[in-house]
Amino acid sequence: MTDSSYLDVTADAYDAVATLYAEFVRNALDDVPLDRAVLAAFAELVRGTGPVAELGCGPGLVTAHLRDLGVDVSGVDLSPVMIDIARATYPDLRFEVGSMDALDLADDHLRGVVSWYSIIHVPPGEVPAYFAEFRRVLAPGGHLLLAFFEAEGDPVTPFDHRVTTAYRWPIDDLAKLATDAGFREIGRMLREPLEEERFRRGHLLMH
């Protein structure tokens, strides 16, 4: 049986800092042209094909960015307070409370899934179950975009994320788990940390 206690810990931790976190990430896409390029490539692949979900959407910044790129997108997050903030900030978008490993969606419902730094708090042994759920809700031919902290040659490594424990992943290891779940890699991007960032950023685009 899956130990889901980390879900409560994560939800409570984000609830506690939601307002500060939302302000902290408000301009998070402004100075990262490579990150925006990855999102733009994903948007071009899924635009006009059907519904897309950002899973672990937080205060809704990336969901709204994808909307602005013409994507039919909604957001899901574990934190009720984060969802309240997202709904208040972007009242024209749909946001729901939910867990990425047990989505209230039919099989093959989505044409795209974005997990933008949202699997980082999942214990490594539980990640395959999340990828299986992503595969379940994605229609054949759908696309998955992952963003995460890259381990830079180290094994999967926990670190002291500002909110709650998170994990850095070697990009090859995460890509293999997604492949094992039925995805095929289209491309990847590694970005070196900005001056105020600690770790390299990894991005995987899967089909």
N, C-alpha and C. Protein backbone atom coordinates (compact mmCIF):
# COMPACT_ATOMS: atom_id res chain seq x y z
N MET A 1 0.85 -1.19 0.00
CA MET A 1 0.00 0.00 0.00
C MET A 1 0.88 1.25 0.00
N THR A 2 0.49 2.25 -0.81
CA THR A 2 1.25 3.48 -0.89
C THR A 2 1.12 4.29 0.39
N ASP A 3 2.25 4.77 0.88
CA ASP A 3 2.24 5.66 2.04
C ASP A 3 1.95 7.07 1.54
N SER A 4 0.75 7.57 1.83
CA SER A 4 0.35 8.87 1.31
C SER A 4 0.53 9.99 2.32
N SER A 5 1.21 9.71 3.44
CA SER A 5 1.34 10.74 4.48
C SER A 5 2.08 11.97 3.96
N TYR A 6 2.98 11.80 2.99
CA TYR A 6 3.71 12.94 2.46
C TYR A 6 2.77 13.90 1.73
N LEU A 7 1.62 13.41 1.27
CA LEU A 7 0.65 14.29 0.61
C LEU A 7 0.09 15.30 1.60
N ASP A 8 -0.26 14.82 2.79
CA ASP A 8 -0.77 15.74 3.82
C ASP A 8 0.29 16.75 4.22
N VAL A 9 1.53 16.27 4.38
CA VAL A 9 2.63 17.16 4.76
C VAL A 9 2.83 18.24 3.69
N THR A 10 2.81 17.82 2.43
CA THR A 10 3.03 18.78 1.34
C THR A 10 1.88 19.78 1.26
N ALA A 11 0.64 19.29 1.33
CA ALA A 11 -0.51 20.20 1.25
C ALA A 11 -0.50 21.20 2.40
N ASP A 12 -0.23 20.72 3.61
CA ASP A 12 -0.21 21.62 4.77
C ASP A 12 0.91 22.65 4.65
N ALA A 13 2.06 22.21 4.16
CA ALA A 13 3.20 23.12 4.03
C ALA A 13 2.90 24.23 3.03
N TYR A 14 2.30 23.89 1.90
CA TYR A 14 1.98 24.91 0.91
C TYR A 14 0.81 25.79 1.35
N ASP A 15 -0.17 25.20 2.04
CA ASP A 15 -1.24 26.03 2.59
C ASP A 15 -0.68 27.12 3.50
N ALA A 16 0.31 26.75 4.31
CA ALA A 16 0.85 27.67 5.31
C ALA A 16 1.59 28.86 4.68
N VAL A 17 2.15 28.67 3.49
CA VAL A 17 2.96 29.74 2.88
C VAL A 17 2.37 30.23 1.57
N ALA A 18 1.13 29.88 1.29
CA ALA A 18 0.56 30.11 -0.04
C ALA A 18 0.63 31.56 -0.48
N THR A 19 0.26 32.48 0.39
CA THR A 19 0.25 33.89 0.00
C THR A 19 1.66 34.39 -0.31
N LEU A 20 2.62 34.06 0.55
CA LEU A 20 4.00 34.46 0.31
C LEU A 20 4.56 33.79 -0.95
N TYR A 21 4.23 32.51 -1.12
CA TYR A 21 4.73 31.77 -2.28
C TYR A 21 4.18 32.37 -3.57
N ALA A 22 2.90 32.69 -3.59
CA ALA A 22 2.30 33.26 -4.79
C ALA A 22 2.98 34.57 -5.17
N GLU A 23 3.31 35.38 -4.19
CA GLU A 23 4.00 36.63 -4.47
C GLU A 23 5.43 36.37 -4.95
N PHE A 24 6.08 35.36 -4.37
CA PHE A 24 7.46 35.04 -4.72
C PHE A 24 7.58 34.59 -6.18
N VAL A 25 6.60 33.82 -6.66
CA VAL A 25 6.70 33.27 -8.02
C VAL A 25 5.94 34.11 -9.05
N ARG A 26 5.41 35.25 -8.63
CA ARG A 26 4.54 36.04 -9.51
C ARG A 26 5.20 36.38 -10.84
N ASN A 27 6.51 36.65 -10.81
CA ASN A 27 7.24 37.00 -12.03
C ASN A 27 8.26 35.94 -12.41
N ALA A 28 7.99 34.70 -12.03
CA ALA A 28 8.99 33.64 -12.18
C ALA A 28 9.35 33.33 -13.63
N LEU A 29 8.50 33.66 -14.58
CA LEU A 29 8.80 33.37 -15.98
C LEU A 29 9.43 34.56 -16.72
N ASP A 30 9.58 35.68 -16.05
CA ASP A 30 10.02 36.89 -16.74
C ASP A 30 11.45 36.80 -17.27
N ASP A 31 12.36 36.23 -16.48
CA ASP A 31 13.79 36.27 -16.83
C ASP A 31 14.34 34.91 -17.24
N VAL A 32 13.47 34.03 -17.72
CA VAL A 32 13.90 32.67 -18.08
C VAL A 32 13.42 32.34 -19.49
N PRO A 33 14.06 32.92 -20.51
CA PRO A 33 13.60 32.71 -21.89
C PRO A 33 13.65 31.25 -22.33
N LEU A 34 14.60 30.48 -21.80
CA LEU A 34 14.65 29.07 -22.18
C LEU A 34 13.45 28.31 -21.63
N ASP A 35 13.05 28.61 -20.40
CA ASP A 35 11.87 27.98 -19.83
C ASP A 35 10.62 28.34 -20.64
N ARG A 36 10.51 29.61 -21.00
CA ARG A 36 9.36 30.03 -21.80
C ARG A 36 9.38 29.36 -23.17
N ALA A 37 10.56 29.11 -23.71
CA ALA A 37 10.66 28.44 -25.01
C ALA A 37 10.15 27.01 -24.92
N VAL A 38 10.46 26.32 -23.82
CA VAL A 38 9.96 24.96 -23.63
C VAL A 38 8.44 24.97 -23.53
N LEU A 39 7.89 25.91 -22.77
CA LEU A 39 6.44 26.01 -22.66
C LEU A 39 5.82 26.35 -24.01
N ALA A 40 6.47 27.19 -24.78
CA ALA A 40 5.95 27.55 -26.10
C ALA A 40 5.95 26.34 -27.04
N ALA A 41 6.99 25.53 -26.98
CA ALA A 41 7.04 24.32 -27.81
C ALA A 41 5.92 23.36 -27.43
N PHE A 42 5.72 23.18 -26.12
CA PHE A 42 4.63 22.32 -25.65
C PHE A 42 3.28 22.87 -26.13
N ALA A 43 3.09 24.18 -25.99
CA ALA A 43 1.83 24.80 -26.41
C ALA A 43 1.58 24.59 -27.90
N GLU A 44 2.63 24.69 -28.70
CA GLU A 44 2.45 24.49 -30.14
C GLU A 44 2.02 23.07 -30.45
N LEU A 45 2.50 22.11 -29.67
CA LEU A 45 2.14 20.71 -29.90
C LEU A 45 0.70 20.40 -29.49
N VAL A 46 0.21 21.04 -28.43
CA VAL A 46 -1.10 20.67 -27.88
C VAL A 46 -2.22 21.64 -28.26
N ARG A 47 -1.87 22.81 -28.74
CA ARG A 47 -2.87 23.85 -29.02
C ARG A 47 -3.89 23.35 -30.04
N GLY A 48 -5.17 23.44 -29.69
CA GLY A 48 -6.23 23.04 -30.59
C GLY A 48 -6.54 21.57 -30.63
N THR A 49 -5.83 20.76 -29.81
CA THR A 49 -6.04 19.32 -29.85
C THR A 49 -7.03 18.83 -28.80
N GLY A 50 -7.30 19.65 -27.75
CA GLY A 50 -8.19 19.24 -26.68
C GLY A 50 -7.70 19.75 -25.34
N PRO A 51 -8.31 19.27 -24.25
CA PRO A 51 -7.99 19.80 -22.92
C PRO A 51 -6.60 19.40 -22.45
N VAL A 52 -6.00 20.32 -21.69
CA VAL A 52 -4.67 20.15 -21.10
C VAL A 52 -4.80 20.49 -19.62
N ALA A 53 -4.03 19.81 -18.78
CA ALA A 53 -4.05 20.11 -17.34
C ALA A 53 -2.64 20.37 -16.85
N GLU A 54 -2.51 21.44 -16.06
CA GLU A 54 -1.28 21.62 -15.29
C GLU A 54 -1.51 21.00 -13.93
N LEU A 55 -0.73 19.98 -13.62
CA LEU A 55 -0.89 19.21 -12.38
C LEU A 55 0.14 19.69 -11.37
N GLY A 56 -0.36 20.18 -10.23
CA GLY A 56 0.51 20.85 -9.27
C GLY A 56 0.67 22.30 -9.68
N CYS A 57 -0.45 22.97 -9.95
CA CYS A 57 -0.42 24.29 -10.58
C CYS A 57 -0.09 25.42 -9.63
N GLY A 58 -0.13 25.17 -8.30
CA GLY A 58 0.15 26.24 -7.37
C GLY A 58 -0.79 27.42 -7.58
N PRO A 59 -0.27 28.65 -7.58
CA PRO A 59 -1.12 29.84 -7.73
C PRO A 59 -1.54 30.12 -9.17
N GLY A 60 -1.18 29.25 -10.12
CA GLY A 60 -1.74 29.33 -11.46
C GLY A 60 -0.94 30.08 -12.50
N LEU A 61 0.28 30.47 -12.19
CA LEU A 61 1.07 31.27 -13.13
C LEU A 61 1.28 30.56 -14.46
N VAL A 62 1.74 29.31 -14.43
CA VAL A 62 2.03 28.58 -15.67
C VAL A 62 0.73 28.24 -16.40
N THR A 63 -0.32 27.91 -15.65
CA THR A 63 -1.62 27.66 -16.28
C THR A 63 -2.05 28.88 -17.09
N ALA A 64 -1.95 30.06 -16.49
CA ALA A 64 -2.34 31.28 -17.19
C ALA A 64 -1.43 31.56 -18.38
N HIS A 65 -0.15 31.28 -18.23
CA HIS A 65 0.79 31.49 -19.34
C HIS A 65 0.41 30.60 -20.53
N LEU A 66 0.06 29.36 -20.26
CA LEU A 66 -0.35 28.47 -21.34
C LEU A 66 -1.66 28.94 -21.97
N ARG A 67 -2.58 29.43 -21.14
CA ARG A 67 -3.82 30.02 -21.68
C ARG A 67 -3.49 31.13 -22.65
N ASP A 68 -2.53 31.99 -22.28
CA ASP A 68 -2.14 33.10 -23.14
C ASP A 68 -1.50 32.63 -24.44
N LEU A 69 -0.98 31.40 -24.43
CA LEU A 69 -0.40 30.81 -25.64
C LEU A 69 -1.44 30.04 -26.45
N GLY A 70 -2.70 30.15 -26.06
CA GLY A 70 -3.78 29.56 -26.85
C GLY A 70 -4.16 28.15 -26.48
N VAL A 71 -3.74 27.69 -25.30
CA VAL A 71 -4.01 26.31 -24.88
C VAL A 71 -5.29 26.26 -24.06
N ASP A 72 -6.09 25.23 -24.28
CA ASP A 72 -7.30 24.97 -23.48
C ASP A 72 -6.85 24.26 -22.20
N VAL A 73 -6.58 25.02 -21.15
CA VAL A 73 -5.87 24.48 -19.99
C VAL A 73 -6.62 24.77 -18.70
N SER A 74 -6.50 23.85 -17.75
CA SER A 74 -7.00 24.03 -16.39
C SER A 74 -5.90 23.60 -15.43
N GLY A 75 -6.12 23.84 -14.13
CA GLY A 75 -5.10 23.52 -13.13
C GLY A 75 -5.64 22.67 -12.00
N VAL A 76 -4.76 21.83 -11.46
CA VAL A 76 -5.07 20.97 -10.31
C VAL A 76 -3.95 21.13 -9.31
N ASP A 77 -4.28 21.25 -8.03
CA ASP A 77 -3.25 21.33 -7.00
C ASP A 77 -3.74 20.69 -5.72
N LEU A 78 -2.80 20.18 -4.94
CA LEU A 78 -3.10 19.52 -3.67
C LEU A 78 -3.49 20.51 -2.58
N SER A 79 -3.05 21.75 -2.70
CA SER A 79 -3.25 22.76 -1.66
C SER A 79 -4.53 23.55 -1.88
N PRO A 80 -5.52 23.44 -1.01
CA PRO A 80 -6.74 24.22 -1.18
C PRO A 80 -6.50 25.73 -1.16
N VAL A 81 -5.56 26.19 -0.35
CA VAL A 81 -5.29 27.63 -0.29
C VAL A 81 -4.67 28.11 -1.61
N MET A 82 -3.78 27.32 -2.17
CA MET A 82 -3.22 27.66 -3.48
C MET A 82 -4.33 27.76 -4.53
N ILE A 83 -5.26 26.83 -4.50
CA ILE A 83 -6.36 26.85 -5.47
C ILE A 83 -7.23 28.09 -5.27
N ASP A 84 -7.46 28.46 -4.03
CA ASP A 84 -8.23 29.69 -3.77
C ASP A 84 -7.53 30.90 -4.38
N ILE A 85 -6.21 30.97 -4.23
CA ILE A 85 -5.45 32.09 -4.79
C ILE A 85 -5.51 32.06 -6.31
N ALA A 86 -5.33 30.87 -6.90
CA ALA A 86 -5.37 30.75 -8.36
C ALA A 86 -6.73 31.19 -8.90
N ARG A 87 -7.81 30.76 -8.25
CA ARG A 87 -9.15 31.14 -8.71
C ARG A 87 -9.38 32.64 -8.60
N ALA A 88 -8.87 33.26 -7.53
CA ALA A 88 -9.04 34.70 -7.36
C ALA A 88 -8.20 35.49 -8.36
N THR A 89 -7.01 34.98 -8.66
CA THR A 89 -6.10 35.69 -9.56
C THR A 89 -6.50 35.53 -11.02
N TYR A 90 -6.99 34.34 -11.37
CA TYR A 90 -7.36 34.05 -12.77
C TYR A 90 -8.78 33.51 -12.81
N PRO A 91 -9.79 34.36 -12.58
CA PRO A 91 -11.17 33.88 -12.48
C PRO A 91 -11.72 33.30 -13.77
N ASP A 92 -11.05 33.53 -14.89
CA ASP A 92 -11.51 32.98 -16.16
C ASP A 92 -11.02 31.56 -16.40
N LEU A 93 -10.18 31.05 -15.52
CA LEU A 93 -9.64 29.69 -15.66
C LEU A 93 -10.24 28.76 -14.61
N ARG A 94 -10.19 27.47 -14.89
CA ARG A 94 -10.74 26.48 -13.97
C ARG A 94 -9.61 25.84 -13.16
N PHE A 95 -9.76 25.83 -11.85
CA PHE A 95 -8.79 25.22 -10.95
C PHE A 95 -9.53 24.31 -9.98
N GLU A 96 -8.96 23.13 -9.72
CA GLU A 96 -9.58 22.16 -8.82
C GLU A 96 -8.55 21.63 -7.83
N VAL A 97 -9.02 21.32 -6.62
CA VAL A 97 -8.17 20.64 -5.64
C VAL A 97 -8.12 19.16 -5.99
N GLY A 98 -6.91 18.60 -6.01
CA GLY A 98 -6.77 17.18 -6.32
C GLY A 98 -5.33 16.74 -6.21
N SER A 99 -5.14 15.43 -6.20
CA SER A 99 -3.80 14.85 -6.13
C SER A 99 -3.41 14.29 -7.49
N MET A 100 -2.19 14.53 -7.89
CA MET A 100 -1.71 14.10 -9.20
C MET A 100 -1.70 12.60 -9.38
N ASP A 101 -1.70 11.84 -8.29
CA ASP A 101 -1.65 10.39 -8.41
C ASP A 101 -3.02 9.75 -8.42
N ALA A 102 -4.08 10.55 -8.30
CA ALA A 102 -5.45 10.02 -8.29
C ALA A 102 -6.38 11.09 -8.83
N LEU A 103 -6.31 11.32 -10.12
CA LEU A 103 -7.04 12.42 -10.75
C LEU A 103 -8.49 12.03 -11.00
N ASP A 104 -9.36 13.00 -10.82
CA ASP A 104 -10.79 12.78 -11.07
C ASP A 104 -11.08 13.04 -12.55
N LEU A 105 -10.43 12.24 -13.39
CA LEU A 105 -10.55 12.38 -14.84
C LEU A 105 -10.70 10.99 -15.46
N ALA A 106 -11.45 10.94 -16.54
CA ALA A 106 -11.62 9.68 -17.25
C ALA A 106 -10.34 9.30 -17.98
N ASP A 107 -10.21 8.03 -18.29
CA ASP A 107 -9.08 7.56 -19.11
C ASP A 107 -9.08 8.32 -20.44
N ASP A 108 -7.88 8.64 -20.92
CA ASP A 108 -7.70 9.24 -22.25
C ASP A 108 -8.39 10.60 -22.38
N HIS A 109 -8.60 11.31 -21.28
CA HIS A 109 -9.37 12.56 -21.33
C HIS A 109 -8.55 13.74 -21.83
N LEU A 110 -7.27 13.76 -21.52
CA LEU A 110 -6.44 14.93 -21.79
C LEU A 110 -5.59 14.75 -23.04
N ARG A 111 -5.24 15.88 -23.62
CA ARG A 111 -4.28 15.88 -24.74
C ARG A 111 -2.90 16.36 -24.29
N GLY A 112 -2.82 16.89 -23.08
CA GLY A 112 -1.53 17.32 -22.57
C GLY A 112 -1.53 17.41 -21.07
N VAL A 113 -0.38 17.11 -20.48
CA VAL A 113 -0.16 17.23 -19.03
C VAL A 113 1.13 18.01 -18.82
N VAL A 114 1.07 19.00 -17.94
CA VAL A 114 2.26 19.74 -17.52
C VAL A 114 2.47 19.49 -16.03
N SER A 115 3.67 19.07 -15.69
CA SER A 115 4.09 18.92 -14.30
C SER A 115 5.30 19.83 -14.11
N TRP A 116 5.03 21.08 -13.74
CA TRP A 116 6.06 22.13 -13.69
C TRP A 116 6.57 22.23 -12.25
N TYR A 117 7.66 21.52 -11.99
CA TYR A 117 8.25 21.43 -10.64
C TYR A 117 7.24 20.89 -9.61
N SER A 118 6.35 20.03 -10.03
CA SER A 118 5.35 19.52 -9.09
C SER A 118 5.61 18.09 -8.64
N ILE A 119 6.45 17.35 -9.36
CA ILE A 119 6.80 16.01 -8.86
C ILE A 119 8.00 16.06 -7.91
N ILE A 120 8.52 17.24 -7.67
CA ILE A 120 9.75 17.33 -6.88
C ILE A 120 9.57 16.88 -5.44
N HIS A 121 8.34 16.95 -4.92
CA HIS A 121 8.11 16.55 -3.53
C HIS A 121 7.69 15.10 -3.39
N VAL A 122 7.58 14.38 -4.51
CA VAL A 122 7.14 12.98 -4.47
C VAL A 122 8.33 12.10 -4.11
N PRO A 123 8.22 11.25 -3.08
CA PRO A 123 9.31 10.33 -2.79
C PRO A 123 9.67 9.51 -4.03
N PRO A 124 10.95 9.28 -4.29
CA PRO A 124 11.35 8.64 -5.54
C PRO A 124 10.63 7.33 -5.84
N GLY A 125 10.39 6.53 -4.82
CA GLY A 125 9.72 5.26 -5.05
C GLY A 125 8.29 5.37 -5.50
N GLU A 126 7.68 6.55 -5.30
CA GLU A 126 6.29 6.76 -5.69
C GLU A 126 6.14 7.36 -7.09
N VAL A 127 7.23 7.86 -7.66
CA VAL A 127 7.15 8.56 -8.95
C VAL A 127 6.57 7.69 -10.06
N PRO A 128 6.92 6.39 -10.17
CA PRO A 128 6.31 5.59 -11.24
C PRO A 128 4.78 5.57 -11.19
N ALA A 129 4.20 5.60 -10.02
CA ALA A 129 2.74 5.61 -9.91
C ALA A 129 2.17 6.91 -10.48
N TYR A 130 2.87 8.00 -10.30
CA TYR A 130 2.42 9.28 -10.86
C TYR A 130 2.50 9.24 -12.39
N PHE A 131 3.58 8.71 -12.92
CA PHE A 131 3.70 8.62 -14.37
C PHE A 131 2.62 7.71 -14.95
N ALA A 132 2.29 6.64 -14.23
CA ALA A 132 1.22 5.76 -14.69
C ALA A 132 -0.12 6.49 -14.72
N GLU A 133 -0.35 7.37 -13.73
CA GLU A 133 -1.59 8.15 -13.72
C GLU A 133 -1.59 9.18 -14.85
N PHE A 134 -0.45 9.81 -15.11
CA PHE A 134 -0.37 10.74 -16.24
C PHE A 134 -0.70 10.00 -17.54
N ARG A 135 -0.16 8.80 -17.68
CA ARG A 135 -0.41 8.01 -18.90
C ARG A 135 -1.88 7.61 -19.00
N ARG A 136 -2.51 7.32 -17.87
CA ARG A 136 -3.92 6.91 -17.89
C ARG A 136 -4.82 8.02 -18.41
N VAL A 137 -4.59 9.25 -17.96
CA VAL A 137 -5.50 10.34 -18.32
C VAL A 137 -5.16 10.97 -19.67
N LEU A 138 -4.00 10.64 -20.23
CA LEU A 138 -3.62 11.19 -21.53
C LEU A 138 -4.13 10.30 -22.65
N ALA A 139 -4.75 10.91 -23.65
CA ALA A 139 -5.17 10.18 -24.84
C ALA A 139 -3.95 9.75 -25.64
N PRO A 140 -4.07 8.69 -26.43
CA PRO A 140 -2.95 8.32 -27.32
C PRO A 140 -2.52 9.52 -28.16
N GLY A 141 -1.23 9.74 -28.21
CA GLY A 141 -0.69 10.89 -28.93
C GLY A 141 -0.57 12.14 -28.09
N GLY A 142 -1.01 12.09 -26.82
CA GLY A 142 -0.90 13.24 -25.94
C GLY A 142 0.53 13.53 -25.55
N HIS A 143 0.75 14.69 -24.95
CA HIS A 143 2.10 15.14 -24.60
C HIS A 143 2.22 15.43 -23.11
N LEU A 144 3.41 15.16 -22.59
CA LEU A 144 3.75 15.40 -21.19
C LEU A 144 4.97 16.30 -21.13
N LEU A 145 4.89 17.35 -20.31
CA LEU A 145 6.03 18.23 -20.07
C LEU A 145 6.37 18.21 -18.60
N LEU A 146 7.62 17.87 -18.29
CA LEU A 146 8.11 17.82 -16.92
C LEU A 146 9.17 18.89 -16.72
N ALA A 147 9.09 19.60 -15.59
CA ALA A 147 10.17 20.49 -15.16
C ALA A 147 10.55 20.10 -13.75
N PHE A 148 11.86 20.11 -13.47
CA PHE A 148 12.34 19.58 -12.18
C PHE A 148 13.73 20.11 -11.91
N PHE A 149 14.22 19.88 -10.72
CA PHE A 149 15.59 20.21 -10.36
C PHE A 149 16.49 19.03 -10.72
N GLU A 150 17.55 19.31 -11.49
CA GLU A 150 18.40 18.24 -12.01
C GLU A 150 19.52 17.94 -11.03
N ALA A 151 19.92 16.66 -10.95
CA ALA A 151 20.87 16.22 -9.92
C ALA A 151 22.33 16.44 -10.32
N GLU A 152 22.60 16.85 -11.56
CA GLU A 152 23.95 17.22 -11.99
C GLU A 152 24.96 16.10 -11.76
N GLY A 153 24.59 14.88 -12.18
CA GLY A 153 25.50 13.76 -12.09
C GLY A 153 25.39 12.95 -10.82
N ASP A 154 24.69 13.47 -9.82
CA ASP A 154 24.48 12.73 -8.57
C ASP A 154 23.27 11.82 -8.72
N PRO A 155 23.10 10.85 -7.81
CA PRO A 155 21.85 10.08 -7.79
C PRO A 155 20.70 10.97 -7.32
N VAL A 156 19.50 10.40 -7.29
CA VAL A 156 18.37 11.15 -6.76
C VAL A 156 18.73 11.67 -5.38
N THR A 157 18.55 12.98 -5.18
CA THR A 157 19.09 13.63 -3.99
C THR A 157 18.03 14.49 -3.32
N PRO A 158 17.71 14.23 -2.05
CA PRO A 158 16.79 15.13 -1.34
C PRO A 158 17.49 16.45 -1.00
N PHE A 159 16.71 17.51 -0.92
CA PHE A 159 17.29 18.78 -0.52
C PHE A 159 16.25 19.59 0.25
N ASP A 160 16.73 20.64 0.90
CA ASP A 160 15.89 21.45 1.78
C ASP A 160 15.18 22.54 0.99
N HIS A 161 14.19 22.13 0.24
CA HIS A 161 13.33 23.08 -0.46
C HIS A 161 12.73 24.04 0.55
N ARG A 162 12.45 25.28 0.13
CA ARG A 162 11.97 26.31 1.07
C ARG A 162 10.63 25.94 1.71
N VAL A 163 9.84 25.08 1.05
CA VAL A 163 8.52 24.75 1.59
C VAL A 163 8.54 23.42 2.32
N THR A 164 8.99 22.36 1.66
CA THR A 164 9.07 21.05 2.28
C THR A 164 10.06 20.20 1.48
N THR A 165 10.47 19.07 2.01
CA THR A 165 11.50 18.24 1.38
C THR A 165 11.21 17.99 -0.09
N ALA A 166 12.23 18.15 -0.92
CA ALA A 166 12.10 17.91 -2.36
C ALA A 166 13.29 17.07 -2.82
N TYR A 167 13.23 16.66 -4.09
CA TYR A 167 14.24 15.75 -4.64
C TYR A 167 14.74 16.28 -5.99
N ARG A 168 16.05 16.17 -6.16
CA ARG A 168 16.68 16.45 -7.45
C ARG A 168 16.88 15.13 -8.17
N TRP A 169 16.63 15.15 -9.50
CA TRP A 169 16.67 13.92 -10.29
C TRP A 169 17.71 14.01 -11.40
N PRO A 170 18.50 12.94 -11.63
CA PRO A 170 19.28 12.87 -12.87
C PRO A 170 18.30 12.80 -14.04
N ILE A 171 18.52 13.59 -15.06
CA ILE A 171 17.55 13.67 -16.15
C ILE A 171 17.39 12.32 -16.86
N ASP A 172 18.47 11.54 -16.98
CA ASP A 172 18.35 10.24 -17.64
C ASP A 172 17.48 9.28 -16.83
N ASP A 173 17.58 9.35 -15.51
CA ASP A 173 16.78 8.46 -14.66
C ASP A 173 15.30 8.80 -14.75
N LEU A 174 14.99 10.09 -14.75
CA LEU A 174 13.59 10.48 -14.83
C LEU A 174 13.02 10.15 -16.21
N ALA A 175 13.82 10.35 -17.24
CA ALA A 175 13.38 10.00 -18.59
C ALA A 175 13.11 8.50 -18.71
N LYS A 176 13.93 7.68 -18.07
CA LYS A 176 13.71 6.24 -18.13
C LYS A 176 12.42 5.84 -17.44
N LEU A 177 12.13 6.45 -16.29
CA LEU A 177 10.88 6.13 -15.60
C LEU A 177 9.68 6.49 -16.48
N ALA A 178 9.75 7.63 -17.15
CA ALA A 178 8.65 8.02 -18.03
C ALA A 178 8.55 7.06 -19.22
N THR A 179 9.68 6.64 -19.75
CA THR A 179 9.67 5.68 -20.85
C THR A 179 9.06 4.36 -20.41
N ASP A 180 9.42 3.92 -19.21
CA ASP A 180 8.86 2.68 -18.68
C ASP A 180 7.35 2.76 -18.51
N ALA A 181 6.83 3.99 -18.30
CA ALA A 181 5.39 4.19 -18.13
C ALA A 181 4.66 4.30 -19.46
N GLY A 182 5.39 4.27 -20.56
CA GLY A 182 4.75 4.30 -21.86
C GLY A 182 4.95 5.56 -22.66
N PHE A 183 5.86 6.44 -22.21
CA PHE A 183 6.13 7.68 -22.93
C PHE A 183 7.38 7.54 -23.79
N ARG A 184 7.43 8.37 -24.83
CA ARG A 184 8.62 8.44 -25.69
C ARG A 184 9.16 9.86 -25.63
N GLU A 185 10.45 9.98 -25.43
CA GLU A 185 11.05 11.31 -25.31
C GLU A 185 11.11 12.00 -26.66
N ILE A 186 10.68 13.26 -26.67
CA ILE A 186 10.80 14.11 -27.85
C ILE A 186 12.03 15.00 -27.75
N GLY A 187 12.24 15.56 -26.56
CA GLY A 187 13.38 16.45 -26.38
C GLY A 187 13.59 16.77 -24.92
N ARG A 188 14.72 17.38 -24.64
CA ARG A 188 15.07 17.75 -23.28
C ARG A 188 15.84 19.07 -23.29
N MET A 189 15.79 19.75 -22.16
CA MET A 189 16.54 20.99 -22.01
C MET A 189 17.08 21.07 -20.59
N LEU A 190 18.37 21.32 -20.48
CA LEU A 190 19.00 21.57 -19.20
C LEU A 190 19.44 23.03 -19.16
N ARG A 191 19.07 23.70 -18.09
CA ARG A 191 19.44 25.11 -17.94
C ARG A 191 20.27 25.29 -16.68
N GLU A 192 21.40 25.97 -16.82
CA GLU A 192 22.23 26.26 -15.66
C GLU A 192 21.50 27.25 -14.74
N PRO A 193 21.76 27.18 -13.44
CA PRO A 193 21.05 28.06 -12.50
C PRO A 193 21.38 29.52 -12.72
N LEU A 194 20.38 30.37 -12.55
CA LEU A 194 20.61 31.79 -12.53
C LEU A 194 21.35 32.17 -11.24
N GLU A 195 21.73 33.42 -11.14
CA GLU A 195 22.54 33.84 -10.00
C GLU A 195 21.87 33.56 -8.66
N GLU A 196 20.53 33.70 -8.60
CA GLU A 196 19.83 33.51 -7.34
C GLU A 196 19.29 32.08 -7.17
N GLU A 197 19.60 31.20 -8.12
CA GLU A 197 19.13 29.82 -8.05
C GLU A 197 20.25 28.90 -7.59
N ARG A 198 19.86 27.78 -6.98
CA ARG A 198 20.87 26.85 -6.45
C ARG A 198 21.23 25.72 -7.40
N PHE A 199 20.26 25.26 -8.19
CA PHE A 199 20.45 24.01 -8.93
C PHE A 199 20.13 24.18 -10.41
N ARG A 200 20.72 23.30 -11.20
CA ARG A 200 20.41 23.20 -12.62
C ARG A 200 18.94 22.78 -12.78
N ARG A 201 18.29 23.30 -13.81
CA ARG A 201 16.89 22.98 -14.08
C ARG A 201 16.79 21.99 -15.25
N GLY A 202 15.97 20.99 -15.09
CA GLY A 202 15.77 19.99 -16.14
C GLY A 202 14.36 20.06 -16.69
N HIS A 203 14.24 19.80 -18.00
CA HIS A 203 12.93 19.79 -18.67
C HIS A 203 12.89 18.62 -19.63
N LEU A 204 11.80 17.87 -19.61
CA LEU A 204 11.61 16.74 -20.51
C LEU A 204 10.28 16.91 -21.21
N LEU A 205 10.29 16.76 -22.52
CA LEU A 205 9.07 16.78 -23.33
C LEU A 205 8.86 15.37 -23.87
N MET A 206 7.72 14.77 -23.51
CA MET A 206 7.44 13.37 -23.82
C MET A 206 6.16 13.27 -24.64
N HIS A 207 6.04 12.16 -25.36
CA HIS A 207 4.88 11.92 -26.25
C HIS A 207 4.23 10.61 -25.85
